[in-house]
């Protein structure tokens, strides 16, 4: 049973890697982002999307942690 789970995990990881590879290879057009009047460097679309994804994956849990910390602090002071 353990070996079946490992095989399924390996297959799932390989499929994920293949999907990411296909995304990167299909999105090689260069773009330059303009934000608040500042122009960024010319980068492939896939790089921009992956950086945005990773930034969101870091900011989301950080905001959740800060909110839960604030809620806990309010509970302690109200009791």
N, C-alpha and C. Protein backbone atom coordinates (compact mmCIF):
# COMPACT_ATOMS: atom_id res chain seq x y z
N UNK A 1 0.82 -1.19 0.00
CA UNK A 1 0.00 0.00 0.00
C UNK A 1 0.86 1.26 0.00
N UNK A 2 1.97 1.23 0.75
CA UNK A 2 2.85 2.39 0.79
C UNK A 2 3.48 2.65 -0.56
N UNK A 3 3.86 1.59 -1.26
CA UNK A 3 4.50 1.77 -2.56
C UNK A 3 3.50 2.33 -3.58
N UNK A 4 2.23 1.97 -3.46
CA UNK A 4 1.21 2.53 -4.36
C UNK A 4 1.06 4.02 -4.12
N UNK A 5 1.07 4.44 -2.86
CA UNK A 5 0.97 5.86 -2.54
C UNK A 5 2.17 6.62 -3.08
N UNK A 6 3.34 6.03 -2.96
CA UNK A 6 4.56 6.67 -3.48
C UNK A 6 4.50 6.80 -4.99
N UNK A 7 4.06 5.75 -5.66
CA UNK A 7 3.95 5.79 -7.12
C UNK A 7 2.95 6.86 -7.54
N UNK A 8 1.81 6.92 -6.87
CA UNK A 8 0.81 7.95 -7.20
C UNK A 8 1.35 9.34 -6.92
N UNK A 9 2.10 9.52 -5.86
CA UNK A 9 2.70 10.81 -5.56
C UNK A 9 3.71 11.20 -6.63
N UNK A 10 4.54 10.27 -7.04
CA UNK A 10 5.53 10.54 -8.08
C UNK A 10 4.85 10.90 -9.39
N UNK A 11 3.79 10.19 -9.74
CA UNK A 11 3.05 10.48 -10.97
C UNK A 11 2.42 11.87 -10.90
N UNK A 12 1.84 12.22 -9.75
CA UNK A 12 1.23 13.54 -9.58
C UNK A 12 2.27 14.65 -9.70
N UNK A 13 3.43 14.45 -9.08
CA UNK A 13 4.50 15.45 -9.15
C UNK A 13 5.00 15.58 -10.58
N UNK A 14 5.17 14.47 -11.28
CA UNK A 14 5.61 14.52 -12.67
C UNK A 14 4.61 15.24 -13.56
N UNK A 15 3.32 15.00 -13.35
CA UNK A 15 2.30 15.70 -14.12
C UNK A 15 2.33 17.20 -13.84
N UNK A 16 2.53 17.57 -12.59
CA UNK A 16 2.64 18.98 -12.23
C UNK A 16 3.85 19.63 -12.89
N UNK A 17 4.98 18.93 -12.86
CA UNK A 17 6.19 19.45 -13.48
C UNK A 17 6.00 19.60 -14.99
N UNK A 18 5.36 18.63 -15.62
CA UNK A 18 5.11 18.72 -17.06
C UNK A 18 4.16 19.87 -17.39
N UNK A 19 3.17 20.10 -16.56
CA UNK A 19 2.24 21.22 -16.79
C UNK A 19 2.97 22.55 -16.65
N UNK A 20 3.83 22.67 -15.65
CA UNK A 20 4.59 23.90 -15.47
C UNK A 20 5.55 24.11 -16.63
N UNK A 21 6.20 23.05 -17.06
CA UNK A 21 7.12 23.15 -18.19
C UNK A 21 6.39 23.57 -19.47
N UNK A 22 5.22 23.00 -19.71
CA UNK A 22 4.44 23.39 -20.88
C UNK A 22 4.02 24.85 -20.79
N UNK A 23 3.62 25.31 -19.60
CA UNK A 23 3.24 26.71 -19.42
C UNK A 23 4.41 27.64 -19.72
N UNK A 24 5.57 27.31 -19.19
CA UNK A 24 6.75 28.15 -19.40
C UNK A 24 7.14 28.18 -20.87
N UNK A 25 7.12 27.03 -21.52
CA UNK A 25 7.52 26.98 -22.93
C UNK A 25 6.52 27.67 -23.86
N UNK A 26 5.26 27.70 -23.49
CA UNK A 26 4.24 28.32 -24.33
C UNK A 26 4.11 29.82 -24.12
N UNK A 27 4.73 30.35 -23.08
CA UNK A 27 4.59 31.77 -22.75
C UNK A 27 5.94 32.46 -22.72
N UNK A 28 6.60 32.50 -23.84
CA UNK A 28 7.93 33.11 -23.93
C UNK A 28 7.92 34.53 -24.47
N UNK A 29 6.74 35.09 -24.76
CA UNK A 29 6.67 36.45 -25.27
C UNK A 29 7.13 37.42 -24.17
N UNK A 30 7.92 38.41 -24.55
CA UNK A 30 8.41 39.38 -23.58
C UNK A 30 7.38 40.47 -23.36
N UNK A 31 7.26 40.86 -22.10
CA UNK A 31 6.37 41.96 -21.72
C UNK A 31 7.12 42.86 -20.74
N UNK A 32 6.68 44.10 -20.68
CA UNK A 32 7.21 45.04 -19.72
C UNK A 32 6.03 45.59 -18.94
N UNK A 33 6.06 45.44 -17.63
CA UNK A 33 4.96 45.91 -16.80
C UNK A 33 5.18 47.36 -16.42
N UNK A 34 4.08 48.11 -16.36
CA UNK A 34 4.11 49.50 -15.94
C UNK A 34 3.26 49.63 -14.69
N UNK A 35 3.86 50.03 -13.56
CA UNK A 35 3.15 50.14 -12.30
C UNK A 35 3.53 51.45 -11.64
N UNK A 36 2.53 52.29 -11.40
CA UNK A 36 2.72 53.60 -10.78
C UNK A 36 3.77 54.43 -11.51
N UNK A 37 3.77 54.35 -12.82
CA UNK A 37 4.69 55.12 -13.64
C UNK A 37 6.08 54.53 -13.77
N UNK A 38 6.32 53.40 -13.13
CA UNK A 38 7.64 52.76 -13.22
C UNK A 38 7.55 51.57 -14.16
N UNK A 39 8.40 51.56 -15.15
CA UNK A 39 8.42 50.46 -16.12
C UNK A 39 9.42 49.40 -15.66
N UNK A 40 8.99 48.16 -15.72
CA UNK A 40 9.86 47.05 -15.36
C UNK A 40 10.66 46.58 -16.56
N UNK A 41 11.59 45.67 -16.34
CA UNK A 41 12.39 45.14 -17.45
C UNK A 41 11.56 44.21 -18.34
N UNK A 42 12.03 43.98 -19.54
CA UNK A 42 11.37 43.04 -20.46
C UNK A 42 11.62 41.62 -19.95
N UNK A 43 10.54 40.94 -19.59
CA UNK A 43 10.63 39.56 -19.11
C UNK A 43 9.58 38.71 -19.81
N UNK A 44 9.83 37.40 -19.93
CA UNK A 44 8.80 36.53 -20.50
C UNK A 44 7.54 36.51 -19.62
N UNK A 45 6.40 36.31 -20.24
CA UNK A 45 5.12 36.28 -19.52
C UNK A 45 5.17 35.23 -18.42
N UNK A 46 5.75 34.08 -18.69
CA UNK A 46 5.78 33.01 -17.69
C UNK A 46 6.53 33.43 -16.43
N UNK A 47 7.60 34.19 -16.58
CA UNK A 47 8.35 34.65 -15.41
C UNK A 47 7.50 35.61 -14.58
N UNK A 48 6.80 36.51 -15.25
CA UNK A 48 5.95 37.48 -14.56
C UNK A 48 4.85 36.74 -13.78
N UNK A 49 4.22 35.76 -14.41
CA UNK A 49 3.14 35.02 -13.76
C UNK A 49 3.67 34.20 -12.58
N UNK A 50 4.79 33.55 -12.74
CA UNK A 50 5.35 32.73 -11.66
C UNK A 50 5.77 33.62 -10.48
N UNK A 51 6.38 34.77 -10.76
CA UNK A 51 6.75 35.69 -9.69
C UNK A 51 5.51 36.19 -8.96
N UNK A 52 4.45 36.52 -9.70
CA UNK A 52 3.20 36.96 -9.07
C UNK A 52 2.61 35.85 -8.21
N UNK A 53 2.65 34.62 -8.69
CA UNK A 53 2.14 33.48 -7.92
C UNK A 53 2.93 33.28 -6.63
N UNK A 54 4.24 33.29 -6.73
CA UNK A 54 5.06 33.10 -5.54
C UNK A 54 4.89 34.25 -4.55
N UNK A 55 4.76 35.46 -5.04
CA UNK A 55 4.53 36.60 -4.15
C UNK A 55 3.21 36.43 -3.40
N UNK A 56 2.17 36.02 -4.11
CA UNK A 56 0.88 35.78 -3.46
C UNK A 56 0.94 34.65 -2.46
N UNK A 57 1.72 33.62 -2.77
CA UNK A 57 1.86 32.49 -1.85
C UNK A 57 2.60 32.89 -0.58
N UNK A 58 3.43 33.91 -0.65
CA UNK A 58 4.12 34.40 0.53
C UNK A 58 3.28 35.41 1.31
N UNK A 59 2.61 36.30 0.61
CA UNK A 59 1.84 37.36 1.26
C UNK A 59 0.57 36.80 1.91
N UNK A 60 -0.11 35.87 1.27
CA UNK A 60 -1.35 35.31 1.80
C UNK A 60 -1.20 34.72 3.20
N UNK A 61 -0.29 33.78 3.40
CA UNK A 61 -0.11 33.23 4.76
C UNK A 61 0.38 34.28 5.76
N UNK A 62 1.18 35.23 5.30
CA UNK A 62 1.66 36.28 6.20
C UNK A 62 0.49 37.11 6.72
N UNK A 63 -0.43 37.49 5.84
CA UNK A 63 -1.60 38.25 6.25
C UNK A 63 -2.47 37.40 7.19
N UNK A 64 -2.65 36.13 6.88
CA UNK A 64 -3.42 35.24 7.76
C UNK A 64 -2.80 35.14 9.13
N UNK A 65 -1.49 35.04 9.19
CA UNK A 65 -0.79 34.96 10.47
C UNK A 65 -0.98 36.24 11.26
N UNK A 66 -0.85 37.40 10.59
CA UNK A 66 -1.02 38.69 11.28
C UNK A 66 -2.44 38.86 11.80
N UNK A 67 -3.43 38.46 11.03
CA UNK A 67 -4.82 38.58 11.46
C UNK A 67 -5.09 37.67 12.66
N UNK A 68 -4.62 36.42 12.59
CA UNK A 68 -4.86 35.51 13.71
C UNK A 68 -4.14 36.00 14.97
N UNK A 69 -2.98 36.59 14.81
CA UNK A 69 -2.25 37.13 15.95
C UNK A 69 -3.01 38.29 16.58
N UNK A 70 -3.58 39.14 15.74
CA UNK A 70 -4.36 40.27 16.24
C UNK A 70 -5.61 39.79 16.96
N UNK A 71 -6.28 38.79 16.42
CA UNK A 71 -7.49 38.26 17.04
C UNK A 71 -7.16 37.65 18.40
N UNK A 72 -6.07 36.89 18.48
CA UNK A 72 -5.66 36.29 19.76
C UNK A 72 -5.33 37.37 20.79
N UNK A 73 -4.66 38.42 20.36
CA UNK A 73 -4.30 39.50 21.29
C UNK A 73 -5.56 40.19 21.81
N UNK A 74 -6.56 40.38 20.97
CA UNK A 74 -7.81 41.01 21.40
C UNK A 74 -8.56 40.12 22.38
N UNK A 75 -8.53 38.82 22.14
CA UNK A 75 -9.20 37.88 23.06
C UNK A 75 -8.55 37.91 24.44
N UNK A 76 -7.23 37.99 24.47
CA UNK A 76 -6.52 38.01 25.75
C UNK A 76 -6.84 39.27 26.54
N UNK A 77 -6.93 40.39 25.85
CA UNK A 77 -7.20 41.66 26.54
C UNK A 77 -8.66 41.78 26.97
N UNK A 78 -9.56 41.11 26.28
CA UNK A 78 -10.98 41.23 26.63
C UNK A 78 -11.38 40.28 27.76
N UNK A 79 -10.55 39.28 28.04
CA UNK A 79 -10.90 38.32 29.10
C UNK A 79 -10.36 38.73 30.43
